[in-house]
Structures are given as structure tokens and as C-alpha cells.
């Protein structure tokens, strides 16, 4: 309980991996300290500069969906997908970094999930520690020990995944819709492979189509995750389908709107090349003056562009 970095929201470590690290004697290591502080700075950047900025737009859209319609609500749905990702990935980076400064290695909890080309791949990359726990202690016992069909086990795992986030039907709906997508994907895998071969589609085109399908579906189902109730979620979808408003911004501040897109593009580019847990490699082996320039730039960006609304992390409530 005294090991505070990952106590509230993870990563969910196994005792066999964490307890031996807590028992060993650890001395001050400057390299661990440097890497940990860089990870923490990256986490703060994701949280207070990007996620909280996206949250302003998202909160406005979800607070009164009946008075908005069309493209702004669609943009808000996609913004929330990135908001919850950067919010949780930011927390995880801070937790991993804080532990690293004390010589403790925590497991990676995200592995570029927003570059997934299939639903199965997405759930292997998102909240890795939790999904592995569900696989080891729920899915595999059901399939291997009790002989459940894979589809039934997947549906039950995702049902409890929804309940874990909260006792609300909106969470259950969000989770079961993702279970349905995964079941259809697994059930049609061979048919799709034969179809793609017969059409002679290149592998990159297939991957691109898979990416668009997965990301679009994931972002839209998160409306149920974000809406306070099923009724509010259906109202949101109904208003979003009224595509009569092509003005993407609902805040009246286009600078903030395009800044949000720029920050998303920057963060995704960094994640594409360095993943979620190797950010410190960006400044490995660079001259001292260049490293310190990057450090000071980090502090300056966070100071100038942070959203100071005292927002708690989204996953604290879970």
C-alpha cells in the first residue's frame, strides 16, 4: 500500500513480478532518475496539455447535445477517444516514471493501441495489465477448464469489463458492442482472408481498411462510455446524424481547435516511432546542451499550454 505510483489506476502488476523488486535493496541511480523524470514529464504533457484541452471541447458537446448537431458532435466523439487515451496513458507514464526514479520497473500498459488494424490487436494493446488479468483469470479458465465456446467466453469477459468501469448500462452497452465487433471479426477471419486474396488487394490496403474500421468503430462506441446514460447516448447519436452543421467548432475559438489537432498529430507521431514506454530514447546519446534544451522546452510547453482546471484522471473513478 505504501508503494504509491500505481496504487490508484495501475498498471496492475502481478505479485510475482512486483514483490521481488520491493524486497531488494536499491541505491540511487542517476540514469533511472533521468529516465523516470522524462517519463513523468511526458505523462504530464499528455494529461494537462492534450487530454484536458480536448476535455473542454468534449464537455461542451456532451453537456448539451440537444443544442448541437452534425459534424461538431462527430468531432467531439473522436476527441473523447483521444482524451481518454492520453488521460490514461499520461497517468500510466507518470506512474511508470515515478517508480523508475526509485529503481522499480512497472510493466507497459499501452502499446500504441490507436495504430491497431484489428479489434483483437486493439485489446491486446489497450490497458494491457487489465486485459491480461481478464484473460488469465476469466477467459482461459472458462475455455480450457469449463469447456465454454470461445464466443461465449468473450461475451462474458466483455460484460464484466463493462461492469468493472461502473454499474451503468451505458458501460455495459459500450463493452458489449466491442465484444460483438470482436466476435464478428474472429468469426469471419477465414472468409475475409479468402475474399481479400480473390480481390488481389495489397497488404497495406487491407491494413489501412482495418485501421479505419477499428478506429471509427471504437471512437463511436465510446459515446456510450462518455454519456451519463443510455438515453443521453441515443440522443447524442440522433443529433450527430443530423449532418446539417458543417462548422466543426462549438467553442468559437478556432485556434484552440486546430491546436488540439496539432497536438494529437504530434503525440501520435512520437508514439508511432517510440511507443508508449520508451519516450526517453528520444534524447538518448544526445549532447548535454541539447538534452537540457529539450528539458527546458518541456517545462516551457507545459507551463504555457497546460489547462489548469484541476481535472482528476478519468480512470480514478474506476
C-alpha atoms as a PDB file:
ATOM      1  CA  UNK A   1       0.000   0.000   0.000  1.00  0.00           C
ATOM      2  CA  UNK A   2       2.922   2.335   0.604  1.00  0.00           C
ATOM      3  CA  UNK A   3       4.102   1.950  -2.999  1.00  0.00           C
ATOM      4  CA  UNK A   4       2.027   4.862  -4.301  1.00  0.00           C
ATOM      5  CA  UNK A   5       2.839   5.246  -8.046  1.00  0.00           C
ATOM      6  CA  UNK A   6       0.483   2.598  -9.406  1.00  0.00           C
ATOM      7  CA  UNK A   7      -1.838   2.212  -6.440  1.00  0.00           C
ATOM      8  CA  UNK A   8      -4.901   4.009  -7.830  1.00  0.00           C
ATOM      9  CA  UNK A   9      -5.147   3.067 -11.512  1.00  0.00           C
ATOM     10  CA  UNK A  10      -2.347   0.671 -12.373  1.00  0.00           C
ATOM     11  CA  UNK A  11      -0.548  -0.786 -14.164  1.00  0.00           C
ATOM     12  CA  UNK A  12      -1.976  -3.857 -12.401  1.00  0.00           C
ATOM     13  CA  UNK A  13       1.214  -5.700 -11.531  1.00  0.00           C
ATOM     14  CA  UNK A  14       1.447  -9.382 -10.596  1.00  0.00           C
ATOM     15  CA  UNK A  15       2.852 -10.127  -7.156  1.00  0.00           C
ATOM     16  CA  UNK A  16       5.497 -12.431  -8.638  1.00  0.00           C
ATOM     17  CA  UNK A  17       6.905  -9.526 -10.617  1.00  0.00           C
ATOM     18  CA  UNK A  18       6.486  -6.609  -8.217  1.00  0.00           C
ATOM     19  CA  UNK A  19       7.208  -8.023  -4.738  1.00  0.00           C
ATOM     20  CA  UNK A  20      10.786  -9.185  -5.503  1.00  0.00           C
ATOM     21  CA  UNK A  21      11.577  -5.648  -6.689  1.00  0.00           C
ATOM     22  CA  UNK A  22      10.190  -4.162  -3.468  1.00  0.00           C
ATOM     23  CA  UNK A  23      12.286  -6.535  -1.367  1.00  0.00           C
ATOM     24  CA  UNK A  24      15.655  -5.845  -2.989  1.00  0.00           C
ATOM     25  CA  UNK A  25      17.990  -3.101  -1.818  1.00  0.00           C
ATOM     26  CA  UNK A  26      18.003  -0.190  -4.273  1.00  0.00           C
ATOM     27  CA  UNK A  27      20.583   2.584  -4.424  1.00  0.00           C
ATOM     28  CA  UNK A  28      20.373   5.951  -6.126  1.00  0.00           C
ATOM     29  CA  UNK A  29      20.821   5.540  -9.873  1.00  0.00           C
ATOM     30  CA  UNK A  30      21.105   8.725 -11.901  1.00  0.00           C
ATOM     31  CA  UNK A  31      20.133   7.008 -15.150  1.00  0.00           C
ATOM     32  CA  UNK A  32      16.936   5.644 -13.570  1.00  0.00           C
ATOM     33  CA  UNK A  33      16.249   9.102 -12.194  1.00  0.00           C
ATOM     34  CA  UNK A  34      16.703  10.730 -15.605  1.00  0.00           C
ATOM     35  CA  UNK A  35      14.557   8.192 -17.442  1.00  0.00           C
ATOM     36  CA  UNK A  36      11.858   8.347 -14.786  1.00  0.00           C
ATOM     37  CA  UNK A  37      11.647  12.139 -14.845  1.00  0.00           C
ATOM     38  CA  UNK A  38      11.408  12.151 -18.645  1.00  0.00           C
ATOM     39  CA  UNK A  39       8.562   9.611 -18.483  1.00  0.00           C
ATOM     40  CA  UNK A  40       6.780  11.711 -15.853  1.00  0.00           C
ATOM     41  CA  UNK A  41       7.187  14.875 -17.930  1.00  0.00           C
ATOM     42  CA  UNK A  42       5.734  13.102 -20.977  1.00  0.00           C
ATOM     43  CA  UNK A  43       2.814  11.904 -18.867  1.00  0.00           C
ATOM     44  CA  UNK A  44       2.091  15.405 -17.587  1.00  0.00           C
ATOM     45  CA  UNK A  45       2.242  16.690 -21.172  1.00  0.00           C
ATOM     46  CA  UNK A  46      -0.297  14.106 -22.341  1.00  0.00           C
ATOM     47  CA  UNK A  47      -2.602  14.859 -19.432  1.00  0.00           C
ATOM     48  CA  UNK A  48      -2.600  18.618 -18.808  1.00  0.00           C
ATOM     49  CA  UNK A  49      -1.687  19.868 -22.275  1.00  0.00           C
ATOM     50  CA  UNK A  50      -3.602  17.480 -24.582  1.00  0.00           C
ATOM     51  CA  UNK A  51      -6.222  15.454 -22.687  1.00  0.00           C
ATOM     52  CA  UNK A  52      -7.539  18.348 -20.588  1.00  0.00           C
ATOM     53  CA  UNK A  53      -7.617  20.625 -23.662  1.00  0.00           C
ATOM     54  CA  UNK A  54      -9.673  18.049 -25.571  1.00  0.00           C
ATOM     55  CA  UNK A  55     -11.874  17.730 -22.493  1.00  0.00           C
ATOM     56  CA  UNK A  56     -13.082  21.321 -22.820  1.00  0.00           C
ATOM     57  CA  UNK A  57     -14.499  20.625 -26.289  1.00  0.00           C
ATOM     58  CA  UNK A  58     -15.860  17.206 -25.269  1.00  0.00           C
ATOM     59  CA  UNK A  59     -17.541  18.525 -22.108  1.00  0.00           C
ATOM     60  CA  UNK A  60     -19.270  21.260 -24.087  1.00  0.00           C
ATOM     61  CA  UNK A  61     -20.615  18.779 -26.631  1.00  0.00           C
ATOM     62  CA  UNK A  62     -21.815  16.202 -24.100  1.00  0.00           C
ATOM     63  CA  UNK A  63     -23.259  18.741 -21.656  1.00  0.00           C
ATOM     64  CA  UNK A  64     -25.986  19.765 -24.093  1.00  0.00           C
ATOM     65  CA  UNK A  65     -26.117  17.523 -27.188  1.00  0.00           C
ATOM     66  CA  UNK A  66     -29.675  18.600 -27.993  1.00  0.00           C
ATOM     67  CA  UNK A  67     -28.424  22.085 -28.939  1.00  0.00           C
ATOM     68  CA  UNK A  68     -25.644  20.773 -31.188  1.00  0.00           C
ATOM     69  CA  UNK A  69     -25.821  18.556 -34.221  1.00  0.00           C
ATOM     70  CA  UNK A  70     -23.862  17.157 -37.103  1.00  0.00           C
ATOM     71  CA  UNK A  71     -20.114  17.439 -37.513  1.00  0.00           C
ATOM     72  CA  UNK A  72     -19.282  19.098 -34.152  1.00  0.00           C
ATOM     73  CA  UNK A  73     -20.682  16.085 -32.275  1.00  0.00           C
ATOM     74  CA  UNK A  74     -18.794  13.688 -34.542  1.00  0.00           C
ATOM     75  CA  UNK A  75     -15.580  15.602 -33.850  1.00  0.00           C
ATOM     76  CA  UNK A  76     -16.307  15.541 -30.102  1.00  0.00           C
ATOM     77  CA  UNK A  77     -16.793  11.752 -30.238  1.00  0.00           C
ATOM     78  CA  UNK A  78     -13.346  11.335 -31.799  1.00  0.00           C
ATOM     79  CA  UNK A  79     -11.823  13.911 -29.453  1.00  0.00           C
ATOM     80  CA  UNK A  80     -13.069  11.911 -26.471  1.00  0.00           C
ATOM     81  CA  UNK A  81     -11.344   8.797 -27.789  1.00  0.00           C
ATOM     82  CA  UNK A  82      -8.030  10.649 -27.782  1.00  0.00           C
ATOM     83  CA  UNK A  83      -8.854  12.374 -24.494  1.00  0.00           C
ATOM     84  CA  UNK A  84      -9.367   9.157 -22.546  1.00  0.00           C
ATOM     85  CA  UNK A  85      -6.322   7.600 -24.211  1.00  0.00           C
ATOM     86  CA  UNK A  86      -3.971  10.486 -23.384  1.00  0.00           C
ATOM     87  CA  UNK A  87      -5.508  10.855 -19.933  1.00  0.00           C
ATOM     88  CA  UNK A  88      -4.924   7.210 -19.011  1.00  0.00           C
ATOM     89  CA  UNK A  89      -1.644   6.846 -20.924  1.00  0.00           C
ATOM     90  CA  UNK A  90      -0.486  10.042 -19.219  1.00  0.00           C
ATOM     91  CA  UNK A  91      -1.280   8.646 -15.789  1.00  0.00           C
ATOM     92  CA  UNK A  92       0.490   5.394 -16.658  1.00  0.00           C
ATOM     93  CA  UNK A  93       3.595   7.248 -17.866  1.00  0.00           C
ATOM     94  CA  UNK A  94       3.696   9.251 -14.636  1.00  0.00           C
ATOM     95  CA  UNK A  95       3.302   6.069 -12.568  1.00  0.00           C
ATOM     96  CA  UNK A  96       5.988   4.208 -14.533  1.00  0.00           C
ATOM     97  CA  UNK A  97       8.293   7.227 -14.339  1.00  0.00           C
ATOM     98  CA  UNK A  98       7.800   7.752 -10.603  1.00  0.00           C
ATOM     99  CA  UNK A  99       8.533   4.077  -9.977  1.00  0.00           C
ATOM    100  CA  UNK A 100      11.580   4.231 -12.243  1.00  0.00           C
ATOM    101  CA  UNK A 101      13.118   7.057 -10.202  1.00  0.00           C
ATOM    102  CA  UNK A 102      13.018   4.668  -7.220  1.00  0.00           C
ATOM    103  CA  UNK A 103      14.502   1.769  -9.186  1.00  0.00           C
ATOM    104  CA  UNK A 104      11.230  -0.133  -9.734  1.00  0.00           C
ATOM    105  CA  UNK A 105      10.239  -1.270 -13.240  1.00  0.00           C
ATOM    106  CA  UNK A 106       6.492  -1.335 -13.897  1.00  0.00           C
ATOM    107  CA  UNK A 107       5.052  -3.085 -16.923  1.00  0.00           C
ATOM    108  CA  UNK A 108       3.981  -1.307 -20.080  1.00  0.00           C
ATOM    109  CA  UNK A 109       0.233  -0.659 -20.030  1.00  0.00           C
ATOM    110  CA  UNK A 110      -0.251   0.656 -23.573  1.00  0.00           C
ATOM    111  CA  UNK A 111       1.399  -0.322 -26.834  1.00  0.00           C
ATOM    112  CA  UNK A 112       0.228   2.165 -29.460  1.00  0.00           C
ATOM    113  CA  UNK A 113      -3.411   0.980 -29.442  1.00  0.00           C
ATOM    114  CA  UNK A 114      -4.508   3.722 -31.829  1.00  0.00           C
ATOM    115  CA  UNK A 115      -2.412   2.162 -34.592  1.00  0.00           C
ATOM    116  CA  UNK A 116      -4.280  -1.147 -34.428  1.00  0.00           C
ATOM    117  CA  UNK A 117      -5.603  -2.728 -37.607  1.00  0.00           C
ATOM    118  CA  UNK A 118      -7.949  -5.195 -35.895  1.00  0.00           C
ATOM    119  CA  UNK A 119     -10.130  -5.303 -32.810  1.00  0.00           C
ATOM    120  CA  UNK A 120      -8.146  -8.201 -31.343  1.00  0.00           C
ATOM    121  CA  UNK A 121      -4.946  -6.227 -31.780  1.00  0.00           C
ATOM    122  CA  UNK A 122      -6.500  -3.164 -30.144  1.00  0.00           C
ATOM    123  CA  UNK A 123      -7.483  -5.049 -26.993  1.00  0.00           C
ATOM    124  CA  UNK A 124      -4.040  -6.625 -26.744  1.00  0.00           C
ATOM    125  CA  UNK A 125      -2.547  -3.136 -26.758  1.00  0.00           C
ATOM    126  CA  UNK A 126      -5.044  -1.222 -24.581  1.00  0.00           C
ATOM    127  CA  UNK A 127      -4.784  -1.352 -20.751  1.00  0.00           C
ATOM    128  CA  UNK A 128      -2.536  -4.372 -21.159  1.00  0.00           C
ATOM    129  CA  UNK A 129      -2.280  -5.274 -17.480  1.00  0.00           C
ATOM    130  CA  UNK A 130      -6.064  -5.362 -17.005  1.00  0.00           C
ATOM    131  CA  UNK A 131      -6.806  -7.273 -20.206  1.00  0.00           C
ATOM    132  CA  UNK A 132      -4.133  -9.869 -19.365  1.00  0.00           C
ATOM    133  CA  UNK A 133      -5.696 -10.270 -15.940  1.00  0.00           C
ATOM    134  CA  UNK A 134      -9.117 -10.853 -17.532  1.00  0.00           C
ATOM    135  CA  UNK A 135      -7.622 -13.361 -19.970  1.00  0.00           C
ATOM    136  CA  UNK A 136      -5.711 -15.313 -17.305  1.00  0.00           C
ATOM    137  CA  UNK A 137      -8.374 -15.394 -14.596  1.00  0.00           C
ATOM    138  CA  UNK A 138     -11.629 -15.369 -16.559  1.00  0.00           C
ATOM    139  CA  UNK A 139     -11.313 -16.197 -20.273  1.00  0.00           C
ATOM    140  CA  UNK A 140      -8.830 -19.095 -20.142  1.00  0.00           C
ATOM    141  CA  UNK A 141     -10.467 -20.893 -17.164  1.00  0.00           C
ATOM    142  CA  UNK A 142     -13.825 -20.677 -18.941  1.00  0.00           C
ATOM    143  CA  UNK A 143     -12.462 -22.063 -22.220  1.00  0.00           C
ATOM    144  CA  UNK A 144      -9.838 -24.556 -21.018  1.00  0.00           C
ATOM    145  CA  UNK A 145     -11.251 -25.751 -17.695  1.00  0.00           C
ATOM    146  CA  UNK A 146     -15.003 -25.476 -18.226  1.00  0.00           C
ATOM    147  CA  UNK A 147     -15.084 -26.021 -21.972  1.00  0.00           C
ATOM    148  CA  UNK A 148     -17.024 -22.863 -22.829  1.00  0.00           C
ATOM    149  CA  UNK A 149     -17.200 -21.840 -26.507  1.00  0.00           C
ATOM    150  CA  UNK A 150     -14.797 -19.007 -27.287  1.00  0.00           C
ATOM    151  CA  UNK A 151     -17.607 -16.679 -28.315  1.00  0.00           C
ATOM    152  CA  UNK A 152     -19.481 -17.168 -25.046  1.00  0.00           C
ATOM    153  CA  UNK A 153     -16.294 -16.591 -23.048  1.00  0.00           C
ATOM    154  CA  UNK A 154     -15.531 -13.390 -24.987  1.00  0.00           C
ATOM    155  CA  UNK A 155     -19.036 -12.064 -24.364  1.00  0.00           C
ATOM    156  CA  UNK A 156     -18.812 -12.764 -20.624  1.00  0.00           C
ATOM    157  CA  UNK A 157     -15.352 -11.189 -20.347  1.00  0.00           C
ATOM    158  CA  UNK A 158     -16.552  -8.019 -22.019  1.00  0.00           C
ATOM    159  CA  UNK A 159     -19.721  -7.965 -19.944  1.00  0.00           C
ATOM    160  CA  UNK A 160     -17.611  -7.886 -16.784  1.00  0.00           C
ATOM    161  CA  UNK A 161     -15.279  -5.399 -18.453  1.00  0.00           C
ATOM    162  CA  UNK A 162     -18.241  -3.033 -18.751  1.00  0.00           C
ATOM    163  CA  UNK A 163     -19.345  -3.604 -15.145  1.00  0.00           C
ATOM    164  CA  UNK A 164     -15.790  -3.040 -13.915  1.00  0.00           C
ATOM    165  CA  UNK A 165     -15.995   0.509 -15.251  1.00  0.00           C
ATOM    166  CA  UNK A 166     -19.240   1.177 -13.408  1.00  0.00           C
ATOM    167  CA  UNK A 167     -22.695  -0.156 -12.552  1.00  0.00           C
ATOM    168  CA  UNK A 168     -24.324   1.500 -15.545  1.00  0.00           C
ATOM    169  CA  UNK A 169     -25.986   0.078 -18.620  1.00  0.00           C
ATOM    170  CA  UNK A 170     -24.114   2.601 -20.760  1.00  0.00           C
ATOM    171  CA  UNK A 171     -20.799   0.988 -19.779  1.00  0.00           C
ATOM    172  CA  UNK A 172     -22.240  -2.455 -20.478  1.00  0.00           C
ATOM    173  CA  UNK A 173     -23.522  -1.310 -23.882  1.00  0.00           C
ATOM    174  CA  UNK A 174     -20.107   0.128 -24.767  1.00  0.00           C
ATOM    175  CA  UNK A 175     -18.333  -3.067 -23.771  1.00  0.00           C
ATOM    176  CA  UNK A 176     -20.791  -5.463 -25.437  1.00  0.00           C
ATOM    177  CA  UNK A 177     -20.695  -3.532 -28.710  1.00  0.00           C
ATOM    178  CA  UNK A 178     -16.929  -4.008 -28.712  1.00  0.00           C
ATOM    179  CA  UNK A 179     -17.407  -7.689 -27.891  1.00  0.00           C
ATOM    180  CA  UNK A 180     -19.762  -8.002 -30.854  1.00  0.00           C
ATOM    181  CA  UNK A 181     -17.203  -6.403 -33.170  1.00  0.00           C
ATOM    182  CA  UNK A 182     -14.507  -8.779 -31.912  1.00  0.00           C
ATOM    183  CA  UNK A 183     -16.747 -11.853 -32.291  1.00  0.00           C
ATOM    184  CA  UNK A 184     -17.672 -10.897 -35.872  1.00  0.00           C
ATOM    185  CA  UNK A 185     -14.024 -10.225 -36.655  1.00  0.00           C
ATOM    186  CA  UNK A 186     -12.891 -13.611 -35.325  1.00  0.00           C
ATOM    187  CA  UNK A 187     -15.792 -15.451 -36.915  1.00  0.00           C
ATOM    188  CA  UNK A 188     -15.207 -14.011 -40.385  1.00  0.00           C
ATOM    189  CA  UNK A 189     -11.407 -14.136 -40.398  1.00  0.00           C
ATOM    190  CA  UNK A 190     -11.093 -17.018 -42.879  1.00  0.00           C
ATOM    191  CA  UNK A 191     -13.841 -15.672 -45.140  1.00  0.00           C
ATOM    192  CA  UNK A 192     -12.227 -12.234 -45.245  1.00  0.00           C
ATOM    193  CA  UNK A 193      -8.811 -13.739 -45.991  1.00  0.00           C
ATOM    194  CA  UNK A 194     -10.214 -15.652 -48.971  1.00  0.00           C
ATOM    195  CA  UNK A 195     -12.088 -12.556 -50.160  1.00  0.00           C
ATOM    196  CA  UNK A 196      -9.018 -10.323 -49.995  1.00  0.00           C
ATOM    197  CA  UNK A 197      -6.922 -12.924 -51.839  1.00  0.00           C
ATOM    198  CA  UNK A 198      -9.509 -13.260 -54.587  1.00  0.00           C
ATOM    199  CA  UNK A 199      -9.605  -9.485 -54.999  1.00  0.00           C
ATOM    200  CA  UNK A 200      -5.823  -9.287 -55.081  1.00  0.00           C
ATOM    201  CA  UNK A 201      -5.713  -6.447 -52.575  1.00  0.00           C
ATOM    202  CA  UNK A 202      -2.236  -5.439 -51.351  1.00  0.00           C
ATOM    203  CA  UNK A 203      -1.468  -5.982 -47.681  1.00  0.00           C
ATOM    204  CA  UNK A 204      -1.124  -2.254 -46.996  1.00  0.00           C
ATOM    205  CA  UNK A 205      -4.609  -1.576 -48.361  1.00  0.00           C
ATOM    206  CA  UNK A 206      -6.072  -4.319 -46.159  1.00  0.00           C
ATOM    207  CA  UNK A 207      -4.281  -2.899 -43.108  1.00  0.00           C
ATOM    208  CA  UNK A 208      -5.478   0.623 -43.918  1.00  0.00           C
ATOM    209  CA  UNK A 209      -9.078  -0.571 -44.260  1.00  0.00           C
ATOM    210  CA  UNK A 210      -8.785  -2.459 -40.975  1.00  0.00           C
ATOM    211  CA  UNK A 211      -7.378   0.616 -39.248  1.00  0.00           C
ATOM    212  CA  UNK A 212     -10.218   2.855 -40.459  1.00  0.00           C
ATOM    213  CA  UNK A 213     -12.853   0.292 -39.458  1.00  0.00           C
ATOM    214  CA  UNK A 214     -11.400  -0.338 -35.991  1.00  0.00           C
ATOM    215  CA  UNK A 215     -10.744   3.295 -35.121  1.00  0.00           C
ATOM    216  CA  UNK A 216     -14.089   4.507 -36.423  1.00  0.00           C
ATOM    217  CA  UNK A 217     -15.997   1.824 -34.542  1.00  0.00           C
ATOM    218  CA  UNK A 218     -14.029   2.272 -31.306  1.00  0.00           C
ATOM    219  CA  UNK A 219     -14.454   6.043 -31.303  1.00  0.00           C
ATOM    220  CA  UNK A 220     -18.198   5.896 -31.950  1.00  0.00           C
ATOM    221  CA  UNK A 221     -18.903   3.232 -29.313  1.00  0.00           C
ATOM    222  CA  UNK A 222     -17.132   5.437 -26.758  1.00  0.00           C
ATOM    223  CA  UNK A 223     -20.195   7.693 -26.935  1.00  0.00           C
ATOM    224  CA  UNK A 224     -21.864   5.136 -24.636  1.00  0.00           C
ATOM    225  CA  UNK A 225     -18.809   5.264 -22.360  1.00  0.00           C
ATOM    226  CA  UNK A 226     -18.885   9.050 -22.079  1.00  0.00           C
ATOM    227  CA  UNK A 227     -22.648   9.677 -21.977  1.00  0.00           C
ATOM    228  CA  UNK A 228     -24.174   9.646 -18.464  1.00  0.00           C
ATOM    229  CA  UNK A 229     -26.951   7.255 -19.543  1.00  0.00           C
ATOM    230  CA  UNK A 230     -28.201   5.178 -22.456  1.00  0.00           C
ATOM    231  CA  UNK A 231     -30.886   7.769 -23.144  1.00  0.00           C
ATOM    232  CA  UNK A 232     -28.304  10.558 -23.393  1.00  0.00           C
ATOM    233  CA  UNK A 233     -26.143   8.396 -25.671  1.00  0.00           C
ATOM    234  CA  UNK A 234     -29.021   7.777 -28.096  1.00  0.00           C
ATOM    235  CA  UNK A 235     -29.854  11.491 -28.092  1.00  0.00           C
ATOM    236  CA  UNK A 236     -26.207  12.207 -28.901  1.00  0.00           C
ATOM    237  CA  UNK A 237     -26.207   9.757 -31.820  1.00  0.00           C
ATOM    238  CA  UNK A 238     -29.502  11.150 -33.120  1.00  0.00           C
ATOM    239  CA  UNK A 239     -28.185  14.710 -33.086  1.00  0.00           C
ATOM    240  CA  UNK A 240     -24.875  13.626 -34.607  1.00  0.00           C
ATOM    241  CA  UNK A 241     -26.671  12.046 -37.578  1.00  0.00           C
ATOM    242  CA  UNK A 242     -28.337  15.366 -38.361  1.00  0.00           C
ATOM    243  CA  UNK A 243     -25.497  16.390 -40.642  1.00  0.00           C
ATOM    244  CA  UNK A 244     -26.722  19.924 -41.336  1.00  0.00           C
ATOM    245  CA  UNK A 245     -23.988  21.743 -39.448  1.00  0.00           C
ATOM    246  CA  UNK A 246     -20.544  21.770 -41.077  1.00  0.00           C
ATOM    247  CA  UNK A 247     -18.933  24.132 -38.582  1.00  0.00           C
ATOM    248  CA  UNK A 248     -16.624  21.780 -36.693  1.00  0.00           C
ATOM    249  CA  UNK A 249     -16.019  24.072 -33.716  1.00  0.00           C
ATOM    250  CA  UNK A 250     -18.560  24.638 -30.941  1.00  0.00           C
ATOM    251  CA  UNK A 251     -16.325  26.754 -28.717  1.00  0.00           C
ATOM    252  CA  UNK A 252     -15.878  29.759 -31.003  1.00  0.00           C
ATOM    253  CA  UNK A 253     -12.084  29.515 -30.684  1.00  0.00           C
ATOM    254  CA  UNK A 254     -10.566  28.039 -33.820  1.00  0.00           C
ATOM    255  CA  UNK A 255      -7.002  28.473 -32.556  1.00  0.00           C
ATOM    256  CA  UNK A 256      -7.659  26.054 -29.688  1.00  0.00           C
ATOM    257  CA  UNK A 257      -9.459  23.701 -32.055  1.00  0.00           C
ATOM    258  CA  UNK A 258      -6.580  23.445 -34.535  1.00  0.00           C
ATOM    259  CA  UNK A 259      -4.031  23.418 -31.705  1.00  0.00           C
ATOM    260  CA  UNK A 260      -5.786  20.284 -30.416  1.00  0.00           C
ATOM    261  CA  UNK A 261      -5.422  18.596 -33.807  1.00  0.00           C
ATOM    262  CA  UNK A 262      -1.754  19.590 -33.978  1.00  0.00           C
ATOM    263  CA  UNK A 263      -1.055  18.186 -30.507  1.00  0.00           C
ATOM    264  CA  UNK A 264      -2.816  14.920 -31.362  1.00  0.00           C
ATOM    265  CA  UNK A 265      -0.728  14.599 -34.525  1.00  0.00           C
ATOM    266  CA  UNK A 266       2.471  15.308 -32.588  1.00  0.00           C
ATOM    267  CA  UNK A 267       1.722  12.797 -29.812  1.00  0.00           C
ATOM    268  CA  UNK A 268       0.706  10.094 -32.266  1.00  0.00           C
ATOM    269  CA  UNK A 269       3.878  10.633 -34.285  1.00  0.00           C
ATOM    270  CA  UNK A 270       6.015  10.217 -31.166  1.00  0.00           C
ATOM    271  CA  UNK A 271       4.082   7.098 -30.148  1.00  0.00           C
ATOM    272  CA  UNK A 272       4.418   5.650 -33.649  1.00  0.00           C
ATOM    273  CA  UNK A 273       8.212   5.845 -33.571  1.00  0.00           C
ATOM    274  CA  UNK A 274       8.907   5.285 -29.856  1.00  0.00           C
ATOM    275  CA  UNK A 275       5.853   3.558 -28.411  1.00  0.00           C
ATOM    276  CA  UNK A 276       4.413   4.483 -25.027  1.00  0.00           C
ATOM    277  CA  UNK A 277       7.186   3.392 -22.697  1.00  0.00           C
ATOM    278  CA  UNK A 278      10.428   4.416 -24.456  1.00  0.00           C
ATOM    279  CA  UNK A 279       9.959   8.161 -24.718  1.00  0.00           C
ATOM    280  CA  UNK A 280      13.309   8.778 -23.039  1.00  0.00           C
ATOM    281  CA  UNK A 281      15.018   7.163 -26.055  1.00  0.00           C
ATOM    282  CA  UNK A 282      14.214  10.327 -27.999  1.00  0.00           C
ATOM    283  CA  UNK A 283      17.028  12.076 -26.173  1.00  0.00           C
ATOM    284  CA  UNK A 284      19.399   9.146 -25.648  1.00  0.00           C
ATOM    285  CA  UNK A 285      23.027   9.794 -26.583  1.00  0.00           C
ATOM    286  CA  UNK A 286      22.407  13.444 -27.392  1.00  0.00           C
ATOM    287  CA  UNK A 287      24.868  16.150 -26.247  1.00  0.00           C
ATOM    288  CA  UNK A 288      24.241  17.570 -22.785  1.00  0.00           C
ATOM    289  CA  UNK A 289      23.291  21.030 -24.059  1.00  0.00           C
ATOM    290  CA  UNK A 290      20.707  19.519 -26.441  1.00  0.00           C
ATOM    291  CA  UNK A 291      19.190  17.314 -23.731  1.00  0.00           C
ATOM    292  CA  UNK A 292      18.826  20.249 -21.376  1.00  0.00           C
ATOM    293  CA  UNK A 293      17.315  22.301 -24.166  1.00  0.00           C
ATOM    294  CA  UNK A 294      14.664  19.606 -24.583  1.00  0.00           C
ATOM    295  CA  UNK A 295      14.086  19.507 -20.807  1.00  0.00           C
ATOM    296  CA  UNK A 296      13.577  23.265 -20.639  1.00  0.00           C
ATOM    297  CA  UNK A 297      11.352  23.138 -23.723  1.00  0.00           C
ATOM    298  CA  UNK A 298       9.202  20.506 -21.999  1.00  0.00           C
ATOM    299  CA  UNK A 299       8.780  22.711 -18.946  1.00  0.00           C
ATOM    300  CA  UNK A 300       8.031  25.758 -21.084  1.00  0.00           C
ATOM    301  CA  UNK A 301       5.372  23.966 -23.169  1.00  0.00           C
ATOM    302  CA  UNK A 302       3.653  22.513 -20.111  1.00  0.00           C
ATOM    303  CA  UNK A 303       3.728  25.899 -18.366  1.00  0.00           C
ATOM    304  CA  UNK A 304       2.343  27.823 -21.344  1.00  0.00           C
ATOM    305  CA  UNK A 305      -0.200  25.350 -22.711  1.00  0.00           C
ATOM    306  CA  UNK A 306      -1.416  23.382 -19.687  1.00  0.00           C
ATOM    307  CA  UNK A 307      -5.147  23.567 -18.946  1.00  0.00           C
ATOM    308  CA  UNK A 308      -5.346  24.495 -15.283  1.00  0.00           C
ATOM    309  CA  UNK A 309      -8.794  23.180 -14.371  1.00  0.00           C
ATOM    310  CA  UNK A 310      -7.715  20.767 -11.624  1.00  0.00           C
ATOM    311  CA  UNK A 311      -9.121  17.854 -13.610  1.00  0.00           C
ATOM    312  CA  UNK A 312      -8.727  14.468 -11.972  1.00  0.00           C
ATOM    313  CA  UNK A 313      -7.679  11.496 -14.078  1.00  0.00           C
ATOM    314  CA  UNK A 314     -10.647   9.792 -15.736  1.00  0.00           C
ATOM    315  CA  UNK A 315      -9.692   6.331 -14.529  1.00  0.00           C
ATOM    316  CA  UNK A 316      -9.510   7.377 -10.875  1.00  0.00           C
ATOM    317  CA  UNK A 317     -13.251   6.703 -10.652  1.00  0.00           C
ATOM    318  CA  UNK A 318     -12.734   3.104 -11.711  1.00  0.00           C
END
